[in-house]
Amino acid sequence: MKKIFKKIVIKILTWQARIVLKRYRPKIIAITGSVGKTSTKDAIFTVLSKFKTVRKSQKSYNSEIGLPLTILGVPNGWNSPVIWFENILRGFKLILWARSYPEWLILEVGAGKPNDIRSIASWLRPDIVVITCFPDKPVHVEFFGSVEKVIEEKSTLAFALKKSGVLILNHDDEKVYALHTEADRRTVSYGFHENATYHGTYPAYKYINEKGASVPEGISFKLEYDGNTFPVMLPHIIGMHYVGSALSALAVAHELGCDLLLSVNAITEYVTPPGRLSLIDGVNNSIIIDDTYNSSPVAMEAAIEVLRDINGKRKIAVLGDMLELGRMTEEAHREVGEHVASIADILVTVGPRAKSISEGAKSKRFAVSKIKNFDTSKEAGEYLKNEVKEGDIVLLKGSQGVRLERAVEAIMAHPELKSKLLCRQEKEWLNR
């Protein structure tokens, strides 16, 4: 019954969203890729909101239900029929009576199964499309059968772009940039590649000493565009991969005619949501790197690189299952273990798939006595309570289903702040 109700609700809200787009005619920025959609969306919103009236997808709303919710400006009803009914009523009001509406919509467009993006692209018709990354081991690949099928599905958005639109591609990803020869649209690129239209150079961390550790306080880099160089600072960001998100935001803003120098100033306000490489005070004067929102092989590797770049007394890597990788699951987890073996002092794995991480670490002669495997995040949290010492750096990273934020809560110095600092603190998540 729930499935039937959900299908009916999706059909009604999607129909309403299509009518709203025709009635109010907002400009649309659509973002897709297998990694980095949410961080790119947030970076674009940070800059563009200084110049225009904009609305962005909330959290990671990028599905067949998430897009209509954003377009209509209504919340997720979760399991409440009352809220879904109210959403439908609000949709009809928006259609029947003229209201103020954003000039621009910034939308994540994801694909969990075949034809997800094709069905959306048939009516979305964006003005700008940003494509972030097509990794060799993308999430959801088990539902597509191959990496090529995932790329084909997500590339559909490029061909849905309006003829007058702009395609903005990550030049550092060969599979993404290959679209510039296939899509008959004006194309610009961003990245560290020397031929990128919006070229990033000299990325570096700014460090401070905190609790006996050398901790990144932000990232600086230079933007080179059309013979000019602009120094850029991201004071609230750790994780070099976020520089790509910042570059894409600057590219979008400039392509829309926004002053580039003002955009560079605006991007300094860019912050990541909870659970995305957030630094949190831990018990016993430790430091937590909370990257528990979700995971994929590329994101996991990036998080491990951040652990490498922070100097503490000990480095503890708490790594959970990466889901929806299909036949690539074991290989992807083993490769993570091989990578983290040269960086971590203690390895904690959570979930059945993550045991292959420990196998990968062992293959690189990581001490078996320094590895602990747990089935659940709560079990891992109980272990960490007694293990974490002063000056330790603790990275926690895993897919959403592993719920590693529960382990973070166990070792926070101030658990009373969990509703503000941790991801998935809504009542609907806490009840699961």
Protein backbone atom coordinates (compact mmCIF):
# COMPACT_ATOMS: atom_id res chain seq x y z
CA MET A 1 0.00 0.00 0.00
CA LYS A 2 2.86 2.37 0.86
CA LYS A 3 4.45 1.80 -2.56
CA ILE A 4 1.18 2.58 -4.35
CA PHE A 5 0.68 5.72 -2.24
CA LYS A 6 4.26 6.83 -2.95
CA LYS A 7 3.83 6.36 -6.71
CA ILE A 8 0.62 8.39 -6.71
CA VAL A 9 2.23 11.19 -4.69
CA ILE A 10 5.28 11.28 -6.97
CA LYS A 11 3.09 11.51 -10.07
CA ILE A 12 1.02 14.36 -8.63
CA LEU A 13 4.01 16.35 -7.36
CA THR A 14 5.95 15.84 -10.60
CA TRP A 15 2.95 17.02 -12.62
CA GLN A 16 2.67 20.07 -10.37
CA ALA A 17 6.41 20.78 -10.63
CA ARG A 18 6.25 20.74 -14.43
CA ILE A 19 3.36 23.21 -14.41
CA VAL A 20 5.17 25.46 -11.93
CA LEU A 21 8.25 25.57 -14.16
CA LYS A 22 6.07 26.62 -17.11
CA ARG A 23 4.20 29.21 -15.07
CA TYR A 24 7.15 30.91 -13.35
CA ARG A 25 9.90 30.13 -15.89
CA PRO A 26 12.88 30.06 -13.51
CA LYS A 27 16.36 29.49 -14.89
CA ILE A 28 17.70 26.07 -13.95
CA ILE A 29 21.19 24.91 -13.00
CA ALA A 30 21.29 21.09 -12.97
CA ILE A 31 24.20 19.21 -11.41
CA THR A 32 24.98 15.55 -11.95
CA GLY A 33 27.86 13.12 -11.65
CA SER A 34 28.66 10.19 -9.37
CA VAL A 35 30.62 12.21 -6.80
CA GLY A 36 30.44 15.78 -5.53
CA LYS A 37 26.91 16.83 -6.52
CA THR A 38 25.89 18.16 -3.10
CA SER A 39 29.14 20.02 -2.41
CA THR A 40 29.00 21.56 -5.89
CA LYS A 41 25.37 22.60 -5.39
CA ASP A 42 26.21 24.24 -2.06
CA ALA A 43 29.21 26.08 -3.50
CA ILE A 44 27.17 27.40 -6.43
CA PHE A 45 24.42 28.54 -4.05
CA THR A 46 26.96 30.29 -1.81
CA VAL A 47 28.18 32.45 -4.69
CA LEU A 48 25.03 32.91 -6.76
CA SER A 49 22.87 33.89 -3.78
CA LYS A 50 24.94 37.09 -3.57
CA PHE A 51 23.74 38.15 -7.00
CA LYS A 52 20.34 36.56 -7.66
CA THR A 53 17.24 35.09 -6.03
CA VAL A 54 17.99 31.37 -5.84
CA ARG A 55 16.70 28.14 -4.32
CA LYS A 56 18.74 24.97 -3.97
CA SER A 57 17.90 21.33 -3.40
CA GLN A 58 17.79 20.71 0.34
CA LYS A 59 20.37 18.26 1.67
CA SER A 60 20.85 15.65 -1.08
CA TYR A 61 17.37 15.81 -2.63
CA ASN A 62 18.21 14.59 -6.12
CA SER A 63 15.74 11.79 -6.78
CA GLU A 64 12.44 11.51 -8.58
CA ILE A 65 10.73 12.81 -5.44
CA GLY A 66 13.47 15.23 -4.33
CA LEU A 67 13.37 17.37 -7.47
CA PRO A 68 9.61 18.09 -7.34
CA LEU A 69 9.95 18.92 -3.63
CA THR A 70 12.61 21.52 -4.42
CA ILE A 71 10.72 23.00 -7.37
CA LEU A 72 7.55 23.30 -5.29
CA GLY A 73 9.41 24.46 -2.19
CA VAL A 74 7.82 21.87 0.10
CA PRO A 75 9.36 19.52 2.71
CA ASN A 76 9.84 15.77 2.68
CA GLY A 77 6.72 14.18 4.15
CA TRP A 78 8.53 10.98 5.12
CA ASN A 79 5.84 8.60 6.44
CA SER A 80 3.21 11.25 7.16
CA PRO A 81 0.21 11.17 4.76
CA VAL A 82 -0.90 14.49 6.30
CA ILE A 83 2.29 16.29 5.26
CA TRP A 84 2.13 14.80 1.75
CA PHE A 85 -1.47 15.98 1.43
CA GLU A 86 -0.43 19.46 2.61
CA ASN A 87 2.38 19.45 0.05
CA ILE A 88 -0.07 18.67 -2.75
CA LEU A 89 -2.34 21.49 -1.58
CA ARG A 90 0.59 23.91 -1.53
CA GLY A 91 1.49 22.81 -5.05
CA PHE A 92 -2.01 23.64 -6.29
CA LYS A 93 -1.89 27.04 -4.57
CA LEU A 94 1.40 27.81 -6.30
CA ILE A 95 -0.17 26.92 -9.63
CA LEU A 96 -3.47 28.77 -9.16
CA TRP A 97 -2.30 31.95 -7.42
CA ALA A 98 0.78 33.89 -8.47
CA ARG A 99 3.44 34.06 -5.78
CA SER A 100 7.02 35.23 -5.55
CA TYR A 101 9.30 32.56 -6.97
CA PRO A 102 13.11 32.21 -7.22
CA GLU A 103 14.84 33.51 -10.33
CA TRP A 104 17.17 30.49 -10.35
CA LEU A 105 16.87 26.89 -9.17
CA ILE A 106 20.01 24.90 -8.32
CA LEU A 107 19.12 21.23 -8.58
CA GLU A 108 20.99 18.00 -7.93
CA VAL A 109 20.01 15.31 -10.40
CA GLY A 110 20.90 11.78 -9.36
CA ALA A 111 20.36 8.32 -10.79
CA GLY A 112 19.76 5.32 -8.56
CA LYS A 113 18.54 3.09 -11.38
CA PRO A 114 18.28 3.09 -15.20
CA ASN A 115 16.09 5.81 -16.78
CA ASP A 116 15.98 7.99 -13.64
CA ILE A 117 17.65 10.92 -15.42
CA ARG A 118 16.12 10.20 -18.82
CA SER A 119 12.63 10.61 -17.38
CA ILE A 120 13.60 13.86 -15.63
CA ALA A 121 15.51 15.26 -18.61
CA SER A 122 12.40 14.95 -20.77
CA TRP A 123 10.83 17.89 -18.91
CA LEU A 124 13.53 19.68 -16.89
CA ARG A 125 15.33 21.49 -19.77
CA PRO A 126 18.13 23.21 -17.76
CA ASP A 127 19.92 26.43 -18.70
CA ILE A 128 23.23 25.27 -17.22
CA VAL A 129 24.44 21.73 -16.64
CA VAL A 130 27.42 20.98 -14.40
CA ILE A 131 28.95 17.49 -14.51
CA THR A 132 31.34 16.66 -11.68
CA CYS A 133 32.91 13.21 -11.86
CA PHE A 134 32.54 9.74 -13.39
CA PRO A 135 34.74 7.48 -11.20
CA ASP A 136 35.77 3.97 -12.15
CA LYS A 137 33.73 2.53 -9.26
CA PRO A 138 30.56 4.63 -8.99
CA VAL A 139 27.83 4.06 -6.43
CA HIS A 140 24.59 2.46 -7.74
CA VAL A 141 26.60 0.56 -10.37
CA GLU A 142 25.01 -2.71 -9.19
CA PHE A 143 21.66 -1.46 -10.54
CA PHE A 144 23.07 -0.55 -13.96
CA GLY A 145 25.26 -3.54 -14.75
CA SER A 146 28.33 -1.54 -15.82
CA VAL A 147 30.17 1.75 -15.33
CA GLU A 148 29.44 2.64 -18.95
CA LYS A 149 25.70 2.41 -18.34
CA VAL A 150 25.99 4.75 -15.34
CA ILE A 151 27.89 7.30 -17.43
CA GLU A 152 25.42 6.99 -20.29
CA GLU A 153 22.51 7.66 -17.94
CA LYS A 154 24.08 10.68 -16.27
CA SER A 155 25.30 12.11 -19.58
CA THR A 156 21.67 12.33 -20.69
CA LEU A 157 21.41 15.59 -18.78
CA ALA A 158 24.00 17.24 -21.04
CA PHE A 159 21.82 16.57 -24.07
CA ALA A 160 18.73 17.95 -22.30
CA LEU A 161 20.46 21.34 -21.98
CA LYS A 162 18.75 24.20 -23.79
CA LYS A 163 20.37 25.16 -27.10
CA SER A 164 21.28 28.52 -25.58
CA GLY A 165 22.62 26.91 -22.42
CA VAL A 166 26.12 26.29 -21.10
CA LEU A 167 27.69 22.92 -20.32
CA ILE A 168 30.27 23.12 -17.52
CA LEU A 169 32.56 20.11 -17.27
CA ASN A 170 35.24 18.89 -14.87
CA HIS A 171 38.35 18.98 -17.07
CA ASP A 172 40.27 16.75 -14.63
CA ASP A 173 37.99 13.79 -15.35
CA GLU A 174 38.62 12.46 -18.85
CA LYS A 175 35.26 10.68 -19.03
CA VAL A 176 33.43 13.87 -18.09
CA TYR A 177 35.40 16.15 -20.37
CA ALA A 178 34.88 13.79 -23.31
CA LEU A 179 31.32 15.13 -23.46
CA HIS A 180 32.57 18.43 -24.89
CA THR A 181 32.91 16.75 -28.28
CA GLU A 182 29.53 14.99 -28.08
CA ALA A 183 27.13 17.63 -26.80
CA ASP A 184 26.25 20.33 -29.31
CA ARG A 185 26.30 23.07 -26.69
CA ARG A 186 28.64 25.85 -25.61
CA THR A 187 31.10 24.24 -23.21
CA VAL A 188 33.52 25.54 -20.60
CA SER A 189 35.55 23.56 -18.08
CA TYR A 190 37.06 23.85 -14.62
CA GLY A 191 39.82 22.03 -12.78
CA PHE A 192 43.57 21.76 -12.35
CA HIS A 193 44.13 20.67 -15.95
CA GLU A 194 46.26 23.28 -17.68
CA ASN A 195 43.68 23.68 -20.45
CA ALA A 196 40.70 24.19 -18.14
CA THR A 197 38.79 27.39 -18.84
CA TYR A 198 38.68 28.11 -15.11
CA HIS A 199 42.09 26.83 -14.08
CA GLY A 200 42.98 26.15 -10.43
CA THR A 201 46.63 26.25 -9.35
CA TYR A 202 48.76 26.04 -6.19
CA PRO A 203 46.24 24.52 -3.76
CA ALA A 204 47.55 24.48 -0.20
CA TYR A 205 46.29 23.98 3.34
CA LYS A 206 46.53 26.71 5.95
CA TYR A 207 47.47 25.06 9.26
CA ILE A 208 46.95 25.87 12.94
CA ASN A 209 48.17 23.98 15.99
CA GLU A 210 45.33 22.58 18.06
CA LYS A 211 45.31 19.94 20.83
CA GLY A 212 48.80 18.79 19.95
CA ALA A 213 47.95 18.38 16.28
CA SER A 214 48.64 20.38 13.14
CA VAL A 215 45.14 20.91 11.74
CA PRO A 216 44.06 22.46 8.42
CA GLU A 217 42.16 25.71 9.00
CA GLY A 218 41.27 26.18 5.35
CA ILE A 219 42.51 25.95 1.78
CA SER A 220 44.02 28.56 -0.49
CA PHE A 221 44.47 28.34 -4.26
CA LYS A 222 44.71 30.54 -7.31
CA LEU A 223 42.15 30.85 -10.09
CA GLU A 224 43.52 31.58 -13.54
CA TYR A 225 41.01 32.83 -16.10
CA ASP A 226 41.53 34.63 -19.39
CA GLY A 227 45.05 35.76 -18.52
CA ASN A 228 44.11 36.97 -15.04
CA THR A 229 44.98 35.40 -11.67
CA PHE A 230 42.77 35.61 -8.58
CA PRO A 231 43.83 34.40 -5.10
CA VAL A 232 41.02 32.35 -3.53
CA MET A 233 40.56 31.33 0.11
CA LEU A 234 38.21 28.68 1.53
CA PRO A 235 38.64 29.30 5.27
CA HIS A 236 35.98 26.82 6.44
CA ILE A 237 36.92 23.86 4.23
CA ILE A 238 39.18 20.83 4.57
CA GLY A 239 39.54 18.32 1.75
CA MET A 240 41.30 19.30 -1.46
CA HIS A 241 38.51 17.83 -3.59
CA TYR A 242 36.29 20.72 -2.49
CA VAL A 243 38.46 23.06 -4.54
CA GLY A 244 36.79 21.56 -7.62
CA SER A 245 33.38 22.48 -6.19
CA ALA A 246 34.56 26.04 -5.60
CA LEU A 247 35.96 26.30 -9.13
CA SER A 248 32.69 25.07 -10.62
CA ALA A 249 30.79 27.69 -8.59
CA LEU A 250 33.03 30.48 -9.83
CA ALA A 251 32.60 29.21 -13.39
CA VAL A 252 28.80 29.17 -13.10
CA ALA A 253 28.63 32.66 -11.63
CA HIS A 254 30.93 34.15 -14.24
CA GLU A 255 29.09 32.47 -17.11
CA LEU A 256 25.93 34.14 -15.79
CA GLY A 257 27.61 37.52 -15.95
CA CYS A 258 28.48 37.91 -12.27
CA ASP A 259 31.62 39.87 -11.39
CA LEU A 260 34.45 37.37 -10.92
CA LEU A 261 36.21 39.31 -8.17
CA LEU A 262 32.98 39.60 -6.17
CA SER A 263 32.39 35.87 -6.72
CA VAL A 264 35.86 35.10 -5.33
CA ASN A 265 34.97 37.11 -2.23
CA ALA A 266 31.63 35.29 -1.92
CA ILE A 267 33.13 31.79 -2.05
CA THR A 268 34.98 32.46 1.22
CA GLU A 269 31.61 31.85 2.95
CA TYR A 270 31.36 28.31 1.54
CA VAL A 271 30.80 25.70 4.28
CA THR A 272 30.04 22.00 4.06
CA PRO A 273 27.00 20.42 5.77
CA PRO A 274 27.36 18.14 8.84
CA GLY A 275 29.02 14.82 8.14
CA ARG A 276 31.13 16.10 5.25
CA LEU A 277 34.70 16.38 6.50
CA SER A 278 33.65 18.33 9.58
CA LEU A 279 36.17 18.81 12.39
CA ILE A 280 34.62 18.04 15.79
CA ASP A 281 36.15 18.09 19.27
CA GLY A 282 36.53 14.55 20.55
CA VAL A 283 36.85 12.99 23.99
CA ASN A 284 40.20 13.20 25.80
CA ASN A 285 41.31 16.18 23.71
CA SER A 286 41.14 14.27 20.44
CA ILE A 287 40.01 15.56 17.06
CA ILE A 288 37.28 13.88 14.99
CA ILE A 289 37.12 14.12 11.20
CA ASP A 290 33.42 13.44 10.64
CA ASP A 291 32.79 12.34 7.04
CA THR A 292 29.87 10.05 7.83
CA TYR A 293 27.22 11.45 5.50
CA ASN A 294 27.84 8.88 2.75
CA SER A 295 30.64 7.14 0.92
CA SER A 296 31.98 5.85 -2.37
CA PRO A 297 35.46 4.66 -3.38
CA VAL A 298 36.50 8.11 -4.62
CA ALA A 299 35.10 9.90 -1.56
CA MET A 300 36.70 7.34 0.75
CA GLU A 301 40.11 7.88 -0.85
CA ALA A 302 39.70 11.65 -0.51
CA ALA A 303 38.86 11.33 3.20
CA ILE A 304 41.92 9.16 3.80
CA GLU A 305 44.05 11.82 2.12
CA VAL A 306 42.72 14.36 4.63
CA LEU A 307 43.68 12.01 7.48
CA ARG A 308 47.16 11.85 5.96
CA ASP A 309 47.43 15.66 5.93
CA ILE A 310 46.60 16.15 9.63
CA ASN A 311 49.44 15.52 12.06
CA GLY A 312 48.50 14.01 15.43
CA LYS A 313 49.89 11.56 17.95
CA ARG A 314 47.95 8.64 16.42
CA LYS A 315 45.67 8.34 13.40
CA ILE A 316 42.61 6.14 13.79
CA ALA A 317 40.64 5.26 10.64
CA VAL A 318 37.06 4.08 11.27
CA LEU A 319 35.81 2.91 7.88
CA GLY A 320 32.42 1.41 7.09
CA ASP A 321 30.79 -0.44 4.21
CA MET A 322 30.55 1.26 0.82
CA LEU A 323 27.19 0.21 -0.59
CA GLU A 324 25.70 -0.38 -4.06
CA LEU A 325 28.99 -1.31 -5.76
CA GLY A 326 27.82 -4.70 -7.05
CA ARG A 327 30.57 -6.96 -8.29
CA MET A 328 33.15 -4.24 -7.56
CA THR A 329 32.45 -4.40 -3.83
CA GLU A 330 35.28 -6.63 -2.62
CA GLU A 331 37.94 -5.10 -4.88
CA ALA A 332 36.97 -1.54 -3.95
CA HIS A 333 37.14 -2.26 -0.23
CA ARG A 334 40.48 -4.06 -0.50
CA GLU A 335 41.96 -1.09 -2.37
CA VAL A 336 40.85 1.23 0.43
CA GLY A 337 42.64 -1.03 2.91
CA GLU A 338 45.81 -0.97 0.86
CA HIS A 339 45.68 2.82 0.78
CA VAL A 340 44.96 3.43 4.46
CA ALA A 341 47.64 0.95 5.60
CA SER A 342 50.41 3.51 5.09
CA ILE A 343 48.51 6.30 6.86
CA ALA A 344 46.57 4.98 9.88
CA ASP A 345 47.98 3.68 13.15
CA ILE A 346 44.74 1.89 14.07
CA LEU A 347 42.10 0.58 11.65
CA VAL A 348 38.50 -0.02 12.69
CA THR A 349 36.04 -1.45 10.16
CA VAL A 350 32.25 -1.47 10.44
CA GLY A 351 30.00 -3.81 8.48
CA PRO A 352 30.45 -7.08 6.56
CA ARG A 353 31.80 -5.52 3.36
CA ALA A 354 34.33 -3.40 5.23
CA LYS A 355 36.10 -6.54 6.44
CA SER A 356 37.72 -6.55 3.00
CA ILE A 357 39.31 -3.22 3.99
CA SER A 358 41.14 -5.00 6.79
CA GLU A 359 42.21 -7.72 4.33
CA GLY A 360 43.65 -5.06 2.04
CA ALA A 361 45.52 -3.48 4.94
CA LYS A 362 46.93 -6.85 6.01
CA SER A 363 48.23 -7.42 2.48
CA LYS A 364 50.38 -4.30 3.02
CA ARG A 365 51.70 -5.72 6.32
CA PHE A 366 49.49 -3.61 8.56
CA ALA A 367 49.67 -5.12 12.05
CA VAL A 368 46.76 -7.47 12.74
CA SER A 369 46.79 -6.37 16.40
CA LYS A 370 45.94 -2.83 15.25
CA ILE A 371 42.77 -3.91 13.37
CA LYS A 372 39.31 -4.20 14.89
CA ASN A 373 36.20 -5.34 12.98
CA PHE A 374 32.65 -4.59 14.12
CA ASP A 375 29.21 -5.34 12.75
CA THR A 376 27.56 -2.08 13.85
CA SER A 377 28.44 1.55 14.46
CA LYS A 378 27.27 1.35 18.08
CA GLU A 379 29.73 -1.48 18.76
CA ALA A 380 32.51 0.53 17.15
CA GLY A 381 31.56 3.56 19.24
CA GLU A 382 31.78 1.57 22.47
CA TYR A 383 35.26 0.38 21.52
CA LEU A 384 36.42 3.87 20.56
CA LYS A 385 35.28 5.35 23.88
CA ASN A 386 38.04 3.40 25.63
CA GLU A 387 40.60 3.59 22.83
CA VAL A 388 40.76 7.28 21.87
CA LYS A 389 43.54 9.15 23.67
CA GLU A 390 44.76 12.73 23.85
CA GLY A 391 46.11 14.03 20.56
CA ASP A 392 44.47 11.27 18.45
CA ILE A 393 42.98 12.09 15.05
CA VAL A 394 39.91 9.95 14.32
CA LEU A 395 38.46 9.72 10.81
CA LEU A 396 34.99 8.17 10.43
CA LYS A 397 33.72 7.42 6.92
CA GLY A 398 31.10 5.04 5.54
CA SER A 399 27.94 4.81 3.46
CA GLN A 400 24.68 6.18 4.77
CA GLY A 401 23.32 2.75 5.69
CA VAL A 402 26.16 2.13 8.14
CA ARG A 403 25.08 5.12 10.29
CA LEU A 404 28.59 5.94 11.48
CA GLU A 405 27.32 9.19 12.99
CA ARG A 406 26.35 6.97 15.95
CA ALA A 407 30.01 6.18 16.52
CA VAL A 408 30.86 9.88 16.26
CA GLU A 409 28.28 10.64 18.96
CA ALA A 410 29.97 8.12 21.26
CA ILE A 411 33.31 9.97 21.18
CA MET A 412 32.19 13.61 20.90
CA ALA A 413 33.50 15.91 23.61
CA HIS A 414 30.11 17.64 23.60
CA PRO A 415 27.38 15.15 22.65
CA GLU A 416 24.77 17.72 23.68
CA LEU A 417 25.61 19.48 20.40
CA LYS A 418 24.88 16.44 18.25
CA SER A 419 21.69 17.89 16.71
CA LYS A 420 23.75 20.78 15.34
CA LEU A 421 26.98 18.97 14.43
CA LEU A 422 25.94 15.52 13.19
CA CYS A 423 24.09 14.38 10.07
CA ARG A 424 20.79 12.46 10.16
CA GLN A 425 19.52 13.92 13.43
CA GLU A 426 15.95 14.36 12.22
CA LYS A 427 13.32 12.37 14.11
CA GLU A 428 12.64 10.16 11.08
CA TRP A 429 16.29 9.08 10.97
CA LEU A 430 16.68 8.68 14.73
CA ASN A 431 13.71 6.30 14.80
CA ARG A 432 15.30 3.96 12.25
